[in-house]
N, C-alpha and C. Protein backbone atom coordinates (compact mmCIF):
# COMPACT_ATOMS: atom_id res chain seq x y z
N MET A 1 -14.34 -8.80 42.65
CA MET A 1 -14.50 -7.35 42.26
C MET A 1 -14.89 -7.18 40.74
N LEU A 2 -14.33 -7.97 39.88
CA LEU A 2 -14.64 -7.84 38.48
C LEU A 2 -16.11 -8.24 38.21
N ALA A 3 -16.71 -9.06 38.99
CA ALA A 3 -18.04 -9.45 38.78
C ALA A 3 -19.03 -8.22 38.98
N GLU A 4 -18.61 -7.25 39.72
CA GLU A 4 -19.35 -6.10 39.97
C GLU A 4 -19.10 -4.96 38.93
N VAL A 5 -18.25 -5.17 37.98
CA VAL A 5 -17.93 -4.08 36.96
C VAL A 5 -18.62 -4.48 35.65
N THR A 6 -19.21 -3.44 35.06
CA THR A 6 -19.69 -3.66 33.72
C THR A 6 -18.63 -3.47 32.69
N ILE A 7 -18.40 -4.50 31.85
CA ILE A 7 -17.34 -4.38 30.82
C ILE A 7 -18.07 -4.49 29.43
N ASN A 8 -17.83 -3.43 28.76
CA ASN A 8 -18.51 -3.30 27.40
C ASN A 8 -17.66 -3.93 26.37
N GLU A 9 -18.24 -4.29 25.27
CA GLU A 9 -17.54 -4.79 24.05
C GLU A 9 -16.54 -3.78 23.61
N PRO A 10 -15.30 -4.29 23.41
CA PRO A 10 -14.30 -3.27 22.89
C PRO A 10 -14.63 -2.64 21.55
N ARG A 11 -14.43 -1.41 21.37
CA ARG A 11 -14.76 -0.69 20.20
C ARG A 11 -13.54 -0.79 19.23
N ILE A 12 -12.37 -1.01 19.78
CA ILE A 12 -11.20 -1.27 18.90
C ILE A 12 -10.51 -2.50 19.48
N PRO A 13 -9.67 -3.20 18.65
CA PRO A 13 -9.07 -4.39 19.12
C PRO A 13 -8.22 -4.19 20.38
N VAL A 14 -8.44 -5.01 21.35
CA VAL A 14 -7.68 -4.87 22.64
C VAL A 14 -7.03 -6.29 22.86
N TYR A 15 -5.72 -6.27 22.95
CA TYR A 15 -4.95 -7.45 22.98
C TYR A 15 -4.76 -7.98 24.40
N SER A 16 -4.82 -9.23 24.74
CA SER A 16 -4.63 -9.81 26.06
C SER A 16 -3.15 -10.02 26.17
N ASN A 17 -2.61 -9.73 27.41
CA ASN A 17 -1.27 -10.01 27.66
C ASN A 17 -1.07 -11.49 27.85
N VAL A 18 -2.06 -12.29 28.10
CA VAL A 18 -1.94 -13.66 28.40
C VAL A 18 -1.94 -14.49 27.09
N THR A 19 -2.71 -14.06 26.08
CA THR A 19 -2.85 -14.83 24.79
C THR A 19 -2.02 -14.21 23.61
N ALA A 20 -1.77 -12.99 23.79
CA ALA A 20 -1.18 -12.19 22.71
C ALA A 20 -2.17 -12.06 21.47
N GLN A 21 -3.42 -12.27 21.77
CA GLN A 21 -4.54 -12.13 20.77
C GLN A 21 -5.45 -11.08 21.25
N PRO A 22 -6.25 -10.59 20.29
CA PRO A 22 -7.29 -9.65 20.67
C PRO A 22 -8.43 -10.39 21.42
N PHE A 23 -9.12 -9.66 22.30
CA PHE A 23 -10.34 -10.29 23.02
C PHE A 23 -11.37 -10.43 21.94
N THR A 24 -12.12 -11.50 22.06
CA THR A 24 -13.17 -11.68 21.08
C THR A 24 -14.44 -11.21 21.56
N SER A 25 -14.62 -11.12 22.94
CA SER A 25 -15.89 -10.56 23.49
C SER A 25 -15.60 -10.01 24.89
N ALA A 26 -16.52 -9.15 25.35
CA ALA A 26 -16.41 -8.53 26.64
C ALA A 26 -16.48 -9.60 27.68
N ALA A 27 -17.23 -10.71 27.51
CA ALA A 27 -17.49 -11.73 28.43
C ALA A 27 -16.21 -12.46 28.86
N GLU A 28 -15.12 -12.43 27.94
CA GLU A 28 -13.94 -13.23 28.33
C GLU A 28 -12.93 -12.27 29.09
N ILE A 29 -13.15 -11.03 29.17
CA ILE A 29 -12.24 -10.12 29.71
C ILE A 29 -12.04 -10.34 31.23
N PRO A 30 -13.05 -10.41 32.01
CA PRO A 30 -12.78 -10.65 33.47
C PRO A 30 -11.98 -11.97 33.76
N GLY A 31 -12.14 -13.00 33.09
CA GLY A 31 -11.33 -14.16 33.23
C GLY A 31 -9.90 -14.00 32.81
N MET A 32 -9.76 -13.30 31.76
CA MET A 32 -8.40 -12.96 31.30
C MET A 32 -7.61 -12.08 32.13
N LEU A 33 -8.27 -11.10 32.75
CA LEU A 33 -7.68 -10.18 33.70
C LEU A 33 -7.19 -10.96 34.87
N GLY A 34 -8.01 -11.96 35.38
CA GLY A 34 -7.59 -12.77 36.47
C GLY A 34 -6.38 -13.70 36.19
N ARG A 35 -6.32 -14.15 34.95
CA ARG A 35 -5.21 -14.97 34.57
C ARG A 35 -3.94 -14.12 34.43
N GLN A 36 -4.07 -12.83 33.99
CA GLN A 36 -2.94 -12.01 33.97
C GLN A 36 -2.20 -11.78 35.19
N LEU A 37 -2.87 -11.95 36.35
CA LEU A 37 -2.13 -11.88 37.62
C LEU A 37 -1.19 -13.01 37.83
N CYS A 38 -1.35 -14.05 37.27
CA CYS A 38 -0.47 -15.27 37.57
C CYS A 38 0.11 -15.94 36.41
N GLU A 39 -0.08 -15.48 35.19
CA GLU A 39 0.52 -16.10 34.03
C GLU A 39 1.56 -15.15 33.40
N PRO A 40 2.56 -15.65 32.67
CA PRO A 40 3.47 -14.81 32.10
C PRO A 40 2.85 -13.88 31.07
N VAL A 41 3.44 -12.65 31.01
CA VAL A 41 3.03 -11.62 30.01
C VAL A 41 3.72 -11.93 28.66
N LEU A 42 2.94 -12.08 27.57
CA LEU A 42 3.42 -12.40 26.27
C LEU A 42 3.58 -11.05 25.47
N TRP A 43 4.33 -10.08 26.09
CA TRP A 43 4.43 -8.75 25.47
C TRP A 43 5.14 -8.85 24.09
N GLU A 44 6.21 -9.57 23.97
CA GLU A 44 6.94 -9.62 22.66
C GLU A 44 6.01 -10.25 21.58
N GLN A 45 5.32 -11.37 21.94
CA GLN A 45 4.49 -11.97 20.93
C GLN A 45 3.25 -11.06 20.56
N THR A 46 2.73 -10.37 21.52
CA THR A 46 1.78 -9.33 21.34
C THR A 46 2.17 -8.35 20.29
N MET A 47 3.34 -7.82 20.49
CA MET A 47 3.93 -6.80 19.55
C MET A 47 4.07 -7.38 18.24
N LYS A 48 4.63 -8.63 18.09
CA LYS A 48 4.75 -9.24 16.80
C LYS A 48 3.40 -9.45 16.17
N ASN A 49 2.44 -9.84 16.97
CA ASN A 49 0.98 -9.96 16.36
C ASN A 49 0.50 -8.68 15.84
N LEU A 50 0.73 -7.67 16.65
CA LEU A 50 0.19 -6.29 16.18
C LEU A 50 0.87 -5.85 14.82
N ILE A 51 2.19 -6.09 14.79
CA ILE A 51 2.96 -5.72 13.59
C ILE A 51 2.46 -6.49 12.38
N ALA A 52 2.17 -7.79 12.62
CA ALA A 52 1.69 -8.68 11.50
C ALA A 52 0.38 -8.16 11.04
N GLU A 53 -0.40 -7.60 11.89
CA GLU A 53 -1.76 -6.97 11.57
C GLU A 53 -1.65 -5.62 10.84
N GLY A 54 -0.47 -5.07 10.72
CA GLY A 54 -0.20 -3.83 10.07
C GLY A 54 -0.16 -2.62 11.03
N LYS A 55 -0.18 -2.94 12.33
CA LYS A 55 -0.10 -1.90 13.26
C LYS A 55 1.40 -1.53 13.53
N ASN A 56 1.82 -0.35 13.12
CA ASN A 56 3.21 0.02 13.16
C ASN A 56 3.42 1.32 13.85
N GLN A 57 2.42 1.90 14.46
CA GLN A 57 2.50 3.22 15.28
C GLN A 57 2.16 2.85 16.65
N CYS A 58 3.08 3.01 17.59
CA CYS A 58 2.81 2.72 19.04
C CYS A 58 3.02 3.96 19.89
N TYR A 59 2.33 3.93 20.96
CA TYR A 59 2.51 4.98 21.92
C TYR A 59 2.74 4.53 23.35
N GLU A 60 3.66 5.10 23.98
CA GLU A 60 3.99 4.73 25.32
C GLU A 60 3.53 5.95 26.24
N LEU A 61 2.57 5.72 27.14
CA LEU A 61 2.01 6.75 27.97
C LEU A 61 2.70 6.76 29.29
N GLY A 62 3.20 7.88 29.70
CA GLY A 62 3.80 8.04 31.03
C GLY A 62 5.39 8.22 30.86
N PRO A 63 5.99 8.31 32.06
CA PRO A 63 7.46 8.61 32.06
C PRO A 63 8.27 7.38 31.59
N GLY A 64 9.37 7.62 31.06
CA GLY A 64 10.23 6.54 30.70
C GLY A 64 9.96 6.15 29.25
N GLN A 65 10.83 5.30 28.74
CA GLN A 65 10.86 4.75 27.44
C GLN A 65 11.13 3.31 27.33
N GLN A 66 10.70 2.51 28.30
CA GLN A 66 11.10 1.04 28.36
C GLN A 66 10.38 0.32 27.23
N LEU A 67 9.05 0.56 26.98
CA LEU A 67 8.45 -0.21 25.89
C LEU A 67 9.04 0.20 24.58
N LYS A 68 9.34 1.36 24.34
CA LYS A 68 9.97 1.80 23.16
C LYS A 68 11.31 1.07 22.94
N ALA A 69 12.13 1.06 24.01
CA ALA A 69 13.45 0.37 23.97
C ALA A 69 13.33 -1.08 23.67
N MET A 70 12.30 -1.74 24.21
CA MET A 70 12.09 -3.18 24.00
C MET A 70 11.62 -3.42 22.46
N SER A 71 10.93 -2.38 22.05
CA SER A 71 10.41 -2.56 20.60
C SER A 71 11.52 -2.58 19.59
N LYS A 72 12.67 -1.96 19.96
CA LYS A 72 13.81 -1.94 18.97
C LYS A 72 14.32 -3.27 18.64
N ARG A 73 14.28 -4.19 19.65
CA ARG A 73 14.76 -5.60 19.39
C ARG A 73 13.80 -6.43 18.55
N ILE A 74 12.53 -5.92 18.38
CA ILE A 74 11.55 -6.64 17.61
C ILE A 74 11.48 -6.12 16.17
N ASP A 75 11.43 -4.81 16.06
CA ASP A 75 11.17 -4.24 14.74
C ASP A 75 11.78 -2.78 14.76
N SER A 76 12.85 -2.56 14.09
CA SER A 76 13.42 -1.13 14.06
C SER A 76 12.48 -0.16 13.49
N ASN A 77 11.68 -0.44 12.55
CA ASN A 77 10.75 0.60 11.98
C ASN A 77 9.70 0.97 12.98
N VAL A 78 9.17 0.05 13.79
CA VAL A 78 8.23 0.38 14.84
C VAL A 78 8.97 1.22 15.85
N TRP A 79 10.18 0.88 16.24
CA TRP A 79 10.98 1.59 17.24
C TRP A 79 11.08 3.10 16.73
N LYS A 80 11.37 3.22 15.48
CA LYS A 80 11.61 4.62 14.96
C LYS A 80 10.23 5.43 15.03
N ALA A 81 9.21 4.81 14.73
CA ALA A 81 7.89 5.44 14.78
C ALA A 81 7.19 5.53 16.19
N PHE A 82 7.79 4.90 17.11
CA PHE A 82 7.20 4.86 18.52
C PHE A 82 7.17 6.21 19.08
N LYS A 83 6.06 6.74 19.67
CA LYS A 83 5.79 7.88 20.25
C LYS A 83 5.71 7.79 21.75
N VAL A 84 6.43 8.57 22.56
CA VAL A 84 6.37 8.63 23.98
C VAL A 84 5.57 9.83 24.41
N VAL A 85 4.54 9.68 25.17
CA VAL A 85 3.70 10.74 25.64
C VAL A 85 3.80 10.79 27.08
N ASN A 86 4.42 11.96 27.58
CA ASN A 86 4.45 12.26 29.07
C ASN A 86 3.46 13.29 29.42
N PRO A 87 2.87 13.05 30.56
CA PRO A 87 1.78 13.96 31.05
C PRO A 87 2.40 15.37 31.37
C-alpha cells in the first residue's frame, strides 16, 4: 500500500518511533513505517531527543492525557508545559 502513496519531504522534523531520530528523507519513511509495525516504540528516547534539541512544548491531540502523564517521568518542565487538545 505504501508504494502507491506519495510521501513528500517533511517540512518540519518528524521523528521515527523506531529510531527516536528525525527522518532524513521522504524515501526512508515507507520502510520505517513498516518497521514500526513489528519493532518496539522508542517513545521515551524520542522525547529525550526532542528535549535535547530544545523542544519543550508538546501537544496531545484527542481524549485522555496518557502522553502528558508519561512525560512527567521524563521532564517535569515539559510536563507542566504540555497542552492537551480535545476535539
